[in-house]
């Protein structure tokens, strides 16, 4: 049996709790920063997430994680809103269709590694944007280092 990633196990445990409380599970990260391991669970809902929302999810999730004990080393649990998170899942590309995004590439395309434009969507593994000059550009998902919304004030 293949070893499962901590993020996948936690997502499986967290999903029912988050669904029952009418939130969206956006992402799960398990990363080491300095001497500490962090388990970060990102949640969202229409209208945004409050500190009280994060606390309520954190308390419920903490109880489940203590009971199931899927992570052997010590870690710090953080539940937060996604902020200006990267677009990763297929549903992110659908949800933010029509919004301005920044696409960062691993390797330059036509001499550029960063593109900005209106997100047209995801077709298969191709992310499409329309630039300010009206050009439509497609990027293979595997070639993109980061895709995120651009917020202008």
Protein backbone atom coordinates (compact mmCIF):
# COMPACT_ATOMS: atom_id res chain seq x y z
CA UNK A 1 0.00 0.00 0.00
CA UNK A 2 1.40 3.40 -0.95
CA UNK A 3 2.10 5.85 1.83
CA UNK A 4 -0.48 8.64 1.89
CA UNK A 5 0.49 12.27 2.20
CA UNK A 6 -0.42 14.04 5.44
CA UNK A 7 -2.33 16.69 3.45
CA UNK A 8 -4.54 14.03 1.84
CA UNK A 9 -5.29 12.35 5.18
CA UNK A 10 -6.11 15.66 6.87
CA UNK A 11 -8.27 16.76 3.94
CA UNK A 12 -10.25 13.54 4.22
CA UNK A 13 -10.77 14.07 7.97
CA UNK A 14 -11.51 17.80 7.69
CA UNK A 15 -13.88 17.77 4.72
CA UNK A 16 -16.98 16.47 6.56
CA UNK A 17 -16.49 18.94 9.44
CA UNK A 18 -15.99 21.88 7.11
CA UNK A 19 -18.93 20.87 4.90
CA UNK A 20 -21.21 20.47 7.95
CA UNK A 21 -20.35 24.03 9.01
CA UNK A 22 -21.08 25.36 5.47
CA UNK A 23 -17.52 26.30 4.58
CA UNK A 24 -15.34 25.40 1.61
CA UNK A 25 -12.08 23.55 2.21
CA UNK A 26 -9.65 25.44 0.00
CA UNK A 27 -6.32 23.80 0.77
CA UNK A 28 -4.25 21.89 3.32
CA UNK A 29 -0.50 22.39 3.79
CA UNK A 30 1.91 20.52 6.04
CA UNK A 31 5.26 22.29 5.98
CA UNK A 32 8.31 22.76 8.14
CA UNK A 33 9.35 26.32 8.91
CA UNK A 34 12.42 26.64 11.07
CA UNK A 35 12.21 24.11 13.87
CA UNK A 36 8.40 23.76 13.73
CA UNK A 37 5.96 21.84 11.56
CA UNK A 38 2.75 23.66 10.58
CA UNK A 39 -0.52 22.12 9.53
CA UNK A 40 -2.43 24.88 7.73
CA UNK A 41 -6.05 24.43 6.76
CA UNK A 42 -7.50 27.15 4.52
CA UNK A 43 -11.26 27.69 4.54
CA UNK A 44 -13.58 30.06 2.74
CA UNK A 45 -17.25 30.99 2.46
CA UNK A 46 -19.25 33.57 0.56
CA UNK A 47 -18.73 36.93 2.24
CA UNK A 48 -15.38 35.89 3.72
CA UNK A 49 -14.12 34.19 6.86
CA UNK A 50 -13.92 35.69 10.36
CA UNK A 51 -11.58 34.93 13.25
CA UNK A 52 -14.52 33.27 15.03
CA UNK A 53 -15.07 31.02 12.00
CA UNK A 54 -11.42 29.96 12.07
CA UNK A 55 -11.58 29.29 15.79
CA UNK A 56 -14.74 27.17 15.50
CA UNK A 57 -13.24 25.03 12.72
CA UNK A 58 -9.92 24.80 14.56
CA UNK A 59 -11.56 23.51 17.75
CA UNK A 60 -13.58 20.84 15.91
CA UNK A 61 -10.69 19.82 13.72
CA UNK A 62 -8.25 19.70 16.63
CA UNK A 63 -10.52 17.21 18.44
CA UNK A 64 -10.68 14.95 15.37
CA UNK A 65 -6.93 15.13 14.78
CA UNK A 66 -6.26 14.31 18.44
CA UNK A 67 -8.62 11.34 18.25
CA UNK A 68 -7.37 9.97 14.90
CA UNK A 69 -3.71 10.97 15.46
CA UNK A 70 -2.64 10.82 11.78
CA UNK A 71 0.49 12.95 12.30
CA UNK A 72 3.21 11.44 14.45
CA UNK A 73 5.44 14.48 14.98
CA UNK A 74 4.34 17.57 16.88
CA UNK A 75 2.91 20.41 14.81
CA UNK A 76 1.05 23.69 15.07
CA UNK A 77 -2.50 23.75 13.66
CA UNK A 78 -3.52 26.94 11.89
CA UNK A 79 -6.94 27.49 10.33
CA UNK A 80 -7.24 30.62 8.23
CA UNK A 81 -8.88 32.26 5.27
CA UNK A 82 -7.12 31.77 1.99
CA UNK A 83 -6.32 35.45 1.45
CA UNK A 84 -4.89 35.90 -2.01
CA UNK A 85 -4.06 32.26 -2.35
CA UNK A 86 -2.79 30.57 -5.47
CA UNK A 87 -5.37 29.03 -7.78
CA UNK A 88 -4.69 25.29 -7.66
CA UNK A 89 -7.85 23.27 -8.04
CA UNK A 90 -10.04 23.06 -11.14
CA UNK A 91 -12.89 24.72 -9.25
CA UNK A 92 -10.63 27.73 -8.48
CA UNK A 93 -10.25 28.41 -12.20
CA UNK A 94 -14.01 28.23 -12.66
CA UNK A 95 -14.82 30.32 -9.58
CA UNK A 96 -12.47 33.17 -10.53
CA UNK A 97 -13.24 33.18 -14.27
CA UNK A 98 -13.43 36.79 -15.47
CA UNK A 99 -11.08 38.11 -12.79
CA UNK A 100 -7.57 39.45 -13.34
CA UNK A 101 -4.84 36.91 -12.58
CA UNK A 102 -1.08 36.79 -12.60
CA UNK A 103 0.57 33.73 -14.15
CA UNK A 104 4.20 33.00 -13.24
CA UNK A 105 6.05 30.48 -15.37
CA UNK A 106 9.00 28.25 -14.56
CA UNK A 107 10.61 29.08 -17.92
CA UNK A 108 10.20 32.23 -20.04
CA UNK A 109 7.64 32.24 -22.84
CA UNK A 110 8.36 34.81 -25.55
CA UNK A 111 10.98 36.30 -23.21
CA UNK A 112 8.60 36.72 -20.23
CA UNK A 113 8.05 34.69 -17.09
CA UNK A 114 5.10 36.71 -15.73
CA UNK A 115 1.82 37.37 -17.52
CA UNK A 116 -1.30 39.18 -16.36
CA UNK A 117 -4.80 39.15 -17.78
CA UNK A 118 -8.44 38.18 -17.44
CA UNK A 119 -8.87 34.52 -16.53
CA UNK A 120 -10.85 32.84 -19.30
CA UNK A 121 -10.74 29.46 -17.62
CA UNK A 122 -9.15 26.05 -17.61
CA UNK A 123 -9.59 23.67 -20.54
CA UNK A 124 -8.03 20.32 -19.79
CA UNK A 125 -4.60 21.34 -18.49
CA UNK A 126 -4.48 24.65 -20.36
CA UNK A 127 -4.98 27.89 -18.39
CA UNK A 128 -6.24 30.65 -20.66
CA UNK A 129 -6.05 34.39 -20.08
CA UNK A 130 -6.86 37.45 -22.17
CA UNK A 131 -4.21 40.17 -21.89
CA UNK A 132 -4.86 43.93 -21.88
CA UNK A 133 -4.04 44.07 -25.59
CA UNK A 134 -6.79 41.51 -26.32
CA UNK A 135 -4.50 38.55 -27.00
CA UNK A 136 -5.54 35.14 -25.68
CA UNK A 137 -2.68 33.09 -24.25
CA UNK A 138 -2.77 29.49 -23.05
CA UNK A 139 -0.34 28.05 -20.51
CA UNK A 140 0.14 24.37 -19.80
CA UNK A 141 -0.55 23.86 -16.11
CA UNK A 142 2.71 21.95 -15.63
CA UNK A 143 4.66 24.99 -16.87
CA UNK A 144 3.10 27.40 -14.35
CA UNK A 145 4.85 28.05 -11.05
CA UNK A 146 1.97 30.16 -9.69
CA UNK A 147 -1.43 31.50 -10.70
CA UNK A 148 -3.15 33.96 -8.39
CA UNK A 149 -5.74 36.71 -8.45
CA UNK A 150 -4.55 40.29 -8.75
CA UNK A 151 -6.21 42.73 -6.37
CA UNK A 152 -6.01 46.38 -7.36
CA UNK A 153 -6.87 49.17 -4.94
